[in-house]
Amino acid sequence: MKHLRLQYRYLLYVCLFFRLALSGMHAEEMAIVPLRPSELLKLLPSVDGDWRMTASVAQDIPDAWPRSKASREYLFNNPDDAEAPAVKLRLTILDTGGHPGTLHRFASPGPGESSAASDRIQIAGMPAIRKAPDGGRKTHVEALVLKRFLLIADLEAPPQPPGATGARDFGTIKPEKWLEKFNLAALRDAAKSPTLKDVSKDHVMIVERIDEMHPARSSRSTWSFAVELPKKD
């Protein structure tokens, strides 16, 4: 009888092991529910002075991993030279929902990130990536905050004439300075008590698009995402 009890206990442990292994195949994959587009718009920094806003849009990103973003675009026309090309600026905040691909990109250098056109830097203590293709006329800088929010500044400055100096030499503007204008305290407050969603299961999300300058282009729809489980042999 004692031998049979040992065999029974052994079979019980084996069954429990396989049950845990199979359940791990369909483990939960939790995403942070992103902020609503209207909330992200409030987190964009203000741009004053001679900059003219040309676009202000926020939207949910319809994907299996929920995300949302907001961006504003600006133009600066040099008042000292009406015929000079305008400087273009776009500021974006992306709520990644803790997307693992984004986190991995900041943790490990990707292809080409060791080249002279791309640098890993720090901005106000935030890990950041700076890319300056096209001879530096176009600069893209993005910084990761709280392992969740991606702050992005894109700056396109016209080529400067030889010997251009002084406060109007906008070819030397650093987009890193624009990222420092984001209110990090407000971001921390917005990230408190996050809600989680299991994206390994079928789910539905409301996709909203807000266009502040063209309200008629705003929209709201419902998207469904079906998760395919591995087929059994």
C-alpha atoms as a PDB file:
ATOM      1  CA  MET A   1       0.000   0.000   0.000  1.00  0.00           C
ATOM      2  CA  LYS A   2       2.834   2.365   0.828  1.00  0.00           C
ATOM      3  CA  HIS A   3       4.372   1.675  -2.575  1.00  0.00           C
ATOM      4  CA  LEU A   4       1.070   2.437  -4.296  1.00  0.00           C
ATOM      5  CA  ARG A   5       0.711   5.692  -2.366  1.00  0.00           C
ATOM      6  CA  LEU A   6       4.177   6.757  -3.533  1.00  0.00           C
ATOM      7  CA  GLN A   7       3.289   5.952  -7.136  1.00  0.00           C
ATOM      8  CA  TYR A   8       0.044   7.898  -6.834  1.00  0.00           C
ATOM      9  CA  ARG A   9       1.862  10.901  -5.358  1.00  0.00           C
ATOM     10  CA  TYR A  10       4.442  10.743  -8.134  1.00  0.00           C
ATOM     11  CA  LEU A  11       1.731  10.737 -10.844  1.00  0.00           C
ATOM     12  CA  LEU A  12       0.006  13.642  -9.115  1.00  0.00           C
ATOM     13  CA  TYR A  13       3.199  15.711  -9.204  1.00  0.00           C
ATOM     14  CA  VAL A  14       3.746  14.861 -12.883  1.00  0.00           C
ATOM     15  CA  CYS A  15       0.202  15.930 -13.793  1.00  0.00           C
ATOM     16  CA  LEU A  16       0.590  19.143 -11.820  1.00  0.00           C
ATOM     17  CA  PHE A  17       3.878  19.904 -13.590  1.00  0.00           C
ATOM     18  CA  PHE A  18       2.378  19.471 -17.065  1.00  0.00           C
ATOM     19  CA  ARG A  19      -0.676  21.532 -16.119  1.00  0.00           C
ATOM     20  CA  LEU A  20       1.540  24.423 -15.040  1.00  0.00           C
ATOM     21  CA  ALA A  21       3.651  24.097 -18.183  1.00  0.00           C
ATOM     22  CA  LEU A  22       0.600  24.194 -20.450  1.00  0.00           C
ATOM     23  CA  SER A  23      -0.918  27.134 -18.625  1.00  0.00           C
ATOM     24  CA  GLY A  24       2.354  29.018 -19.122  1.00  0.00           C
ATOM     25  CA  MET A  25       1.912  28.708 -22.876  1.00  0.00           C
ATOM     26  CA  HIS A  26      -1.069  31.052 -22.618  1.00  0.00           C
ATOM     27  CA  ALA A  27       0.301  33.353 -19.935  1.00  0.00           C
ATOM     28  CA  GLU A  28      -1.266  36.729 -19.450  1.00  0.00           C
ATOM     29  CA  GLU A  29       0.338  39.655 -21.251  1.00  0.00           C
ATOM     30  CA  MET A  30      -0.571  42.810 -19.412  1.00  0.00           C
ATOM     31  CA  ALA A  31      -0.564  46.260 -21.011  1.00  0.00           C
ATOM     32  CA  ILE A  32      -1.144  49.569 -19.298  1.00  0.00           C
ATOM     33  CA  VAL A  33      -4.350  51.175 -20.523  1.00  0.00           C
ATOM     34  CA  PRO A  34      -3.100  54.395 -22.176  1.00  0.00           C
ATOM     35  CA  LEU A  35      -4.346  57.871 -21.395  1.00  0.00           C
ATOM     36  CA  ARG A  36      -7.184  59.245 -23.473  1.00  0.00           C
ATOM     37  CA  PRO A  37      -6.172  61.492 -26.406  1.00  0.00           C
ATOM     38  CA  SER A  38      -7.710  64.537 -24.716  1.00  0.00           C
ATOM     39  CA  GLU A  39      -5.544  63.922 -21.639  1.00  0.00           C
ATOM     40  CA  LEU A  40      -2.378  63.672 -23.724  1.00  0.00           C
ATOM     41  CA  LEU A  41      -3.076  67.030 -25.381  1.00  0.00           C
ATOM     42  CA  LYS A  42      -2.960  68.668 -21.956  1.00  0.00           C
ATOM     43  CA  LEU A  43       0.518  67.198 -21.377  1.00  0.00           C
ATOM     44  CA  LEU A  44       2.087  68.809 -24.451  1.00  0.00           C
ATOM     45  CA  PRO A  45       4.261  71.820 -23.576  1.00  0.00           C
ATOM     46  CA  SER A  46       3.201  75.300 -24.628  1.00  0.00           C
ATOM     47  CA  VAL A  47       5.130  76.951 -27.446  1.00  0.00           C
ATOM     48  CA  ASP A  48       5.074  80.726 -27.279  1.00  0.00           C
ATOM     49  CA  GLY A  49       6.667  83.589 -29.128  1.00  0.00           C
ATOM     50  CA  ASP A  50       6.841  83.724 -32.892  1.00  0.00           C
ATOM     51  CA  TRP A  51       5.936  80.065 -33.454  1.00  0.00           C
ATOM     52  CA  ARG A  52       2.655  79.514 -35.303  1.00  0.00           C
ATOM     53  CA  MET A  53       0.736  76.300 -34.644  1.00  0.00           C
ATOM     54  CA  THR A  54      -0.330  74.518 -37.829  1.00  0.00           C
ATOM     55  CA  ALA A  55      -1.675  71.193 -36.483  1.00  0.00           C
ATOM     56  CA  SER A  56      -2.879  69.730 -33.190  1.00  0.00           C
ATOM     57  CA  VAL A  57      -4.034  66.111 -33.277  1.00  0.00           C
ATOM     58  CA  ALA A  58      -4.429  63.325 -30.717  1.00  0.00           C
ATOM     59  CA  GLN A  59      -5.613  59.773 -31.254  1.00  0.00           C
ATOM     60  CA  ASP A  60      -5.737  56.222 -30.033  1.00  0.00           C
ATOM     61  CA  ILE A  61      -3.569  53.826 -32.007  1.00  0.00           C
ATOM     62  CA  PRO A  62      -5.715  50.885 -33.180  1.00  0.00           C
ATOM     63  CA  ASP A  63      -3.439  47.972 -32.418  1.00  0.00           C
ATOM     64  CA  ALA A  64      -3.556  44.786 -30.374  1.00  0.00           C
ATOM     65  CA  TRP A  65      -1.354  46.574 -27.824  1.00  0.00           C
ATOM     66  CA  PRO A  66      -3.275  49.738 -26.843  1.00  0.00           C
ATOM     67  CA  ARG A  67      -1.411  53.033 -27.222  1.00  0.00           C
ATOM     68  CA  SER A  68      -2.283  56.684 -27.736  1.00  0.00           C
ATOM     69  CA  LYS A  69      -0.459  59.796 -28.892  1.00  0.00           C
ATOM     70  CA  ALA A  70      -0.788  63.543 -29.292  1.00  0.00           C
ATOM     71  CA  SER A  71       1.262  65.947 -31.393  1.00  0.00           C
ATOM     72  CA  ARG A  72       1.383  69.589 -32.371  1.00  0.00           C
ATOM     73  CA  GLU A  73       3.214  71.130 -35.317  1.00  0.00           C
ATOM     74  CA  TYR A  74       4.597  74.647 -35.557  1.00  0.00           C
ATOM     75  CA  LEU A  75       6.243  76.956 -38.068  1.00  0.00           C
ATOM     76  CA  PHE A  76       8.655  79.780 -37.391  1.00  0.00           C
ATOM     77  CA  ASN A  77       9.146  82.453 -40.030  1.00  0.00           C
ATOM     78  CA  ASN A  78      12.160  84.636 -39.466  1.00  0.00           C
ATOM     79  CA  PRO A  79      10.793  88.199 -39.058  1.00  0.00           C
ATOM     80  CA  ASP A  80      14.136  89.553 -40.279  1.00  0.00           C
ATOM     81  CA  ASP A  81      13.843  87.733 -43.604  1.00  0.00           C
ATOM     82  CA  ALA A  82      10.332  87.157 -44.959  1.00  0.00           C
ATOM     83  CA  GLU A  83      11.671  85.052 -47.847  1.00  0.00           C
ATOM     84  CA  ALA A  84      13.672  82.669 -45.647  1.00  0.00           C
ATOM     85  CA  PRO A  85      12.301  79.095 -45.380  1.00  0.00           C
ATOM     86  CA  ALA A  86      10.379  78.419 -42.196  1.00  0.00           C
ATOM     87  CA  VAL A  87      11.687  76.305 -39.341  1.00  0.00           C
ATOM     88  CA  LYS A  88       9.388  73.318 -38.698  1.00  0.00           C
ATOM     89  CA  LEU A  89       8.815  71.814 -35.258  1.00  0.00           C
ATOM     90  CA  ARG A  90       6.698  68.849 -34.187  1.00  0.00           C
ATOM     91  CA  LEU A  91       6.271  67.842 -30.530  1.00  0.00           C
ATOM     92  CA  THR A  92       4.749  64.442 -29.749  1.00  0.00           C
ATOM     93  CA  ILE A  93       3.896  62.451 -26.650  1.00  0.00           C
ATOM     94  CA  LEU A  94       3.231  58.739 -27.075  1.00  0.00           C
ATOM     95  CA  ASP A  95       1.719  56.645 -24.289  1.00  0.00           C
ATOM     96  CA  THR A  96       3.247  53.249 -25.098  1.00  0.00           C
ATOM     97  CA  GLY A  97       1.240  51.388 -22.489  1.00  0.00           C
ATOM     98  CA  GLY A  98       4.530  49.778 -21.471  1.00  0.00           C
ATOM     99  CA  HIS A  99       5.011  48.241 -24.925  1.00  0.00           C
ATOM    100  CA  PRO A 100       7.910  45.767 -24.584  1.00  0.00           C
ATOM    101  CA  GLY A 101       9.339  46.626 -28.012  1.00  0.00           C
ATOM    102  CA  THR A 102       9.778  50.271 -27.019  1.00  0.00           C
ATOM    103  CA  LEU A 103      11.365  49.369 -23.696  1.00  0.00           C
ATOM    104  CA  HIS A 104      13.751  46.938 -25.394  1.00  0.00           C
ATOM    105  CA  ARG A 105      14.790  49.549 -27.941  1.00  0.00           C
ATOM    106  CA  PHE A 106      15.920  51.868 -25.163  1.00  0.00           C
ATOM    107  CA  ALA A 107      17.591  49.061 -23.251  1.00  0.00           C
ATOM    108  CA  SER A 108      19.573  47.627 -26.170  1.00  0.00           C
ATOM    109  CA  PRO A 109      21.125  49.427 -29.158  1.00  0.00           C
ATOM    110  CA  GLY A 110      19.369  48.648 -32.418  1.00  0.00           C
ATOM    111  CA  PRO A 111      20.834  48.270 -35.902  1.00  0.00           C
ATOM    112  CA  GLY A 112      22.672  51.394 -36.976  1.00  0.00           C
ATOM    113  CA  GLU A 113      22.425  53.126 -33.600  1.00  0.00           C
ATOM    114  CA  SER A 114      26.184  53.086 -33.234  1.00  0.00           C
ATOM    115  CA  SER A 115      26.614  55.258 -36.342  1.00  0.00           C
ATOM    116  CA  ALA A 116      27.519  58.923 -36.311  1.00  0.00           C
ATOM    117  CA  ALA A 117      23.928  59.819 -37.309  1.00  0.00           C
ATOM    118  CA  SER A 118      22.464  58.368 -34.096  1.00  0.00           C
ATOM    119  CA  ASP A 119      23.468  58.937 -30.478  1.00  0.00           C
ATOM    120  CA  ARG A 120      22.319  57.670 -27.110  1.00  0.00           C
ATOM    121  CA  ILE A 121      22.123  60.610 -24.756  1.00  0.00           C
ATOM    122  CA  GLN A 122      20.546  61.735 -21.486  1.00  0.00           C
ATOM    123  CA  ILE A 123      18.031  64.583 -21.300  1.00  0.00           C
ATOM    124  CA  ALA A 124      17.167  65.762 -17.780  1.00  0.00           C
ATOM    125  CA  GLY A 125      17.964  62.264 -16.532  1.00  0.00           C
ATOM    126  CA  MET A 126      15.850  60.557 -19.226  1.00  0.00           C
ATOM    127  CA  PRO A 127      17.357  57.953 -21.595  1.00  0.00           C
ATOM    128  CA  ALA A 128      17.131  59.372 -25.098  1.00  0.00           C
ATOM    129  CA  ILE A 129      18.040  58.644 -28.710  1.00  0.00           C
ATOM    130  CA  ARG A 130      19.065  61.417 -31.099  1.00  0.00           C
ATOM    131  CA  LYS A 131      19.106  60.996 -34.871  1.00  0.00           C
ATOM    132  CA  ALA A 132      20.272  63.657 -37.301  1.00  0.00           C
ATOM    133  CA  PRO A 133      20.044  62.461 -40.919  1.00  0.00           C
ATOM    134  CA  ASP A 134      20.149  64.751 -43.946  1.00  0.00           C
ATOM    135  CA  GLY A 135      23.313  66.489 -42.805  1.00  0.00           C
ATOM    136  CA  GLY A 136      21.738  67.628 -39.542  1.00  0.00           C
ATOM    137  CA  ARG A 137      19.002  69.757 -41.121  1.00  0.00           C
ATOM    138  CA  LYS A 138      16.436  67.320 -39.741  1.00  0.00           C
ATOM    139  CA  THR A 139      16.828  66.190 -36.151  1.00  0.00           C
ATOM    140  CA  HIS A 140      14.731  63.586 -34.341  1.00  0.00           C
ATOM    141  CA  VAL A 141      15.065  63.158 -30.580  1.00  0.00           C
ATOM    142  CA  GLU A 142      13.008  60.843 -28.391  1.00  0.00           C
ATOM    143  CA  ALA A 143      13.201  60.247 -24.643  1.00  0.00           C
ATOM    144  CA  LEU A 144      11.582  57.570 -22.488  1.00  0.00           C
ATOM    145  CA  VAL A 145       9.876  58.614 -19.247  1.00  0.00           C
ATOM    146  CA  LEU A 146       8.704  56.267 -16.480  1.00  0.00           C
ATOM    147  CA  LYS A 147       9.250  53.306 -18.838  1.00  0.00           C
ATOM    148  CA  ARG A 148       5.993  54.315 -20.480  1.00  0.00           C
ATOM    149  CA  PHE A 149       5.838  57.747 -22.143  1.00  0.00           C
ATOM    150  CA  LEU A 150       7.839  58.564 -25.250  1.00  0.00           C
ATOM    151  CA  LEU A 151       8.561  62.278 -25.700  1.00  0.00           C
ATOM    152  CA  ILE A 152       9.531  63.213 -29.260  1.00  0.00           C
ATOM    153  CA  ALA A 153      10.815  66.397 -30.882  1.00  0.00           C
ATOM    154  CA  ASP A 154      11.320  66.708 -34.639  1.00  0.00           C
ATOM    155  CA  LEU A 155      13.016  69.828 -35.910  1.00  0.00           C
ATOM    156  CA  GLU A 156      13.649  70.771 -39.527  1.00  0.00           C
ATOM    157  CA  ALA A 157      15.713  73.909 -39.995  1.00  0.00           C
ATOM    158  CA  PRO A 158      16.596  75.499 -43.339  1.00  0.00           C
ATOM    159  CA  PRO A 159      20.279  75.724 -44.260  1.00  0.00           C
ATOM    160  CA  GLN A 160      21.905  78.862 -42.923  1.00  0.00           C
ATOM    161  CA  PRO A 161      23.905  81.274 -45.082  1.00  0.00           C
ATOM    162  CA  PRO A 162      27.673  81.312 -44.505  1.00  0.00           C
ATOM    163  CA  GLY A 163      28.651  83.243 -41.409  1.00  0.00           C
ATOM    164  CA  ALA A 164      25.136  83.280 -39.901  1.00  0.00           C
ATOM    165  CA  THR A 165      25.373  83.976 -36.170  1.00  0.00           C
ATOM    166  CA  GLY A 166      23.338  85.332 -33.300  1.00  0.00           C
ATOM    167  CA  ALA A 167      19.900  84.685 -31.879  1.00  0.00           C
ATOM    168  CA  ARG A 168      18.328  84.262 -35.326  1.00  0.00           C
ATOM    169  CA  ASP A 169      20.621  81.372 -36.311  1.00  0.00           C
ATOM    170  CA  PHE A 170      17.851  78.809 -35.973  1.00  0.00           C
ATOM    171  CA  GLY A 171      19.948  76.097 -37.578  1.00  0.00           C
ATOM    172  CA  THR A 172      21.578  75.636 -34.157  1.00  0.00           C
ATOM    173  CA  ILE A 173      18.347  75.068 -32.225  1.00  0.00           C
ATOM    174  CA  LYS A 174      18.594  71.840 -30.240  1.00  0.00           C
ATOM    175  CA  PRO A 175      15.359  69.796 -30.092  1.00  0.00           C
ATOM    176  CA  GLU A 176      16.572  68.392 -26.755  1.00  0.00           C
ATOM    177  CA  LYS A 177      15.631  71.753 -25.243  1.00  0.00           C
ATOM    178  CA  TRP A 178      12.040  71.282 -26.365  1.00  0.00           C
ATOM    179  CA  LEU A 179      11.820  67.917 -24.577  1.00  0.00           C
ATOM    180  CA  GLU A 180      12.949  69.614 -21.367  1.00  0.00           C
ATOM    181  CA  LYS A 181       9.809  71.763 -21.587  1.00  0.00           C
ATOM    182  CA  PHE A 182       7.553  68.761 -20.891  1.00  0.00           C
ATOM    183  CA  ASN A 183       6.148  68.829 -17.359  1.00  0.00           C
ATOM    184  CA  LEU A 184       7.597  65.651 -15.827  1.00  0.00           C
ATOM    185  CA  ALA A 185       5.663  66.155 -12.592  1.00  0.00           C
ATOM    186  CA  ALA A 186       2.396  66.170 -14.548  1.00  0.00           C
ATOM    187  CA  LEU A 187       3.468  62.966 -16.312  1.00  0.00           C
ATOM    188  CA  ARG A 188       4.159  61.282 -12.980  1.00  0.00           C
ATOM    189  CA  ASP A 189       0.733  62.320 -11.680  1.00  0.00           C
ATOM    190  CA  ALA A 190      -0.953  61.016 -14.843  1.00  0.00           C
ATOM    191  CA  ALA A 191       0.807  57.668 -14.463  1.00  0.00           C
ATOM    192  CA  LYS A 192      -0.379  57.043 -10.907  1.00  0.00           C
ATOM    193  CA  SER A 193      -2.605  54.003 -10.291  1.00  0.00           C
ATOM    194  CA  PRO A 194      -2.476  52.581 -13.842  1.00  0.00           C
ATOM    195  CA  THR A 195      -5.171  50.233 -15.131  1.00  0.00           C
ATOM    196  CA  LEU A 196      -3.976  46.997 -16.735  1.00  0.00           C
ATOM    197  CA  LYS A 197      -5.449  45.073 -19.671  1.00  0.00           C
ATOM    198  CA  ASP A 198      -4.702  41.472 -20.647  1.00  0.00           C
ATOM    199  CA  VAL A 199      -3.906  41.753 -24.363  1.00  0.00           C
ATOM    200  CA  SER A 200      -3.435  37.987 -24.688  1.00  0.00           C
ATOM    201  CA  LYS A 201      -7.242  37.715 -24.785  1.00  0.00           C
ATOM    202  CA  ASP A 202      -9.827  39.023 -27.241  1.00  0.00           C
ATOM    203  CA  HIS A 203     -10.622  42.629 -26.451  1.00  0.00           C
ATOM    204  CA  VAL A 204     -12.386  45.734 -27.730  1.00  0.00           C
ATOM    205  CA  MET A 205     -11.087  49.294 -27.689  1.00  0.00           C
ATOM    206  CA  ILE A 206     -12.582  52.693 -28.389  1.00  0.00           C
ATOM    207  CA  VAL A 207     -10.498  54.540 -30.980  1.00  0.00           C
ATOM    208  CA  GLU A 208     -10.854  58.302 -30.767  1.00  0.00           C
ATOM    209  CA  ARG A 209      -9.236  60.963 -32.940  1.00  0.00           C
ATOM    210  CA  ILE A 210      -9.252  64.627 -31.929  1.00  0.00           C
ATOM    211  CA  ASP A 211      -8.327  67.375 -34.379  1.00  0.00           C
ATOM    212  CA  GLU A 212      -8.297  70.665 -32.494  1.00  0.00           C
ATOM    213  CA  MET A 213      -7.821  72.860 -35.552  1.00  0.00           C
ATOM    214  CA  HIS A 214     -10.334  70.977 -37.704  1.00  0.00           C
ATOM    215  CA  PRO A 215     -13.000  69.585 -35.336  1.00  0.00           C
ATOM    216  CA  ALA A 216     -15.020  68.168 -38.239  1.00  0.00           C
ATOM    217  CA  ARG A 217     -12.203  65.684 -38.835  1.00  0.00           C
ATOM    218  CA  SER A 218     -12.479  64.277 -35.316  1.00  0.00           C
ATOM    219  CA  SER A 219     -13.927  60.777 -35.051  1.00  0.00           C
ATOM    220  CA  ARG A 220     -14.747  57.924 -32.703  1.00  0.00           C
ATOM    221  CA  SER A 221     -15.039  54.217 -33.536  1.00  0.00           C
ATOM    222  CA  THR A 222     -14.864  50.761 -31.971  1.00  0.00           C
ATOM    223  CA  TRP A 223     -12.216  48.180 -32.863  1.00  0.00           C
ATOM    224  CA  SER A 224     -12.172  44.491 -31.933  1.00  0.00           C
ATOM    225  CA  PHE A 225      -9.045  42.373 -31.638  1.00  0.00           C
ATOM    226  CA  ALA A 226      -9.186  38.584 -31.700  1.00  0.00           C
ATOM    227  CA  VAL A 227      -6.176  36.731 -30.319  1.00  0.00           C
ATOM    228  CA  GLU A 228      -5.292  33.500 -32.118  1.00  0.00           C
ATOM    229  CA  LEU A 229      -4.143  30.727 -29.815  1.00  0.00           C
ATOM    230  CA  PRO A 230      -1.589  28.136 -31.006  1.00  0.00           C
ATOM    231  CA  LYS A 231      -3.214  25.192 -32.723  1.00  0.00           C
ATOM    232  CA  LYS A 232      -3.032  21.833 -31.017  1.00  0.00           C
ATOM    233  CA  ASP A 233      -1.355  18.996 -32.894  1.00  0.00           C
END
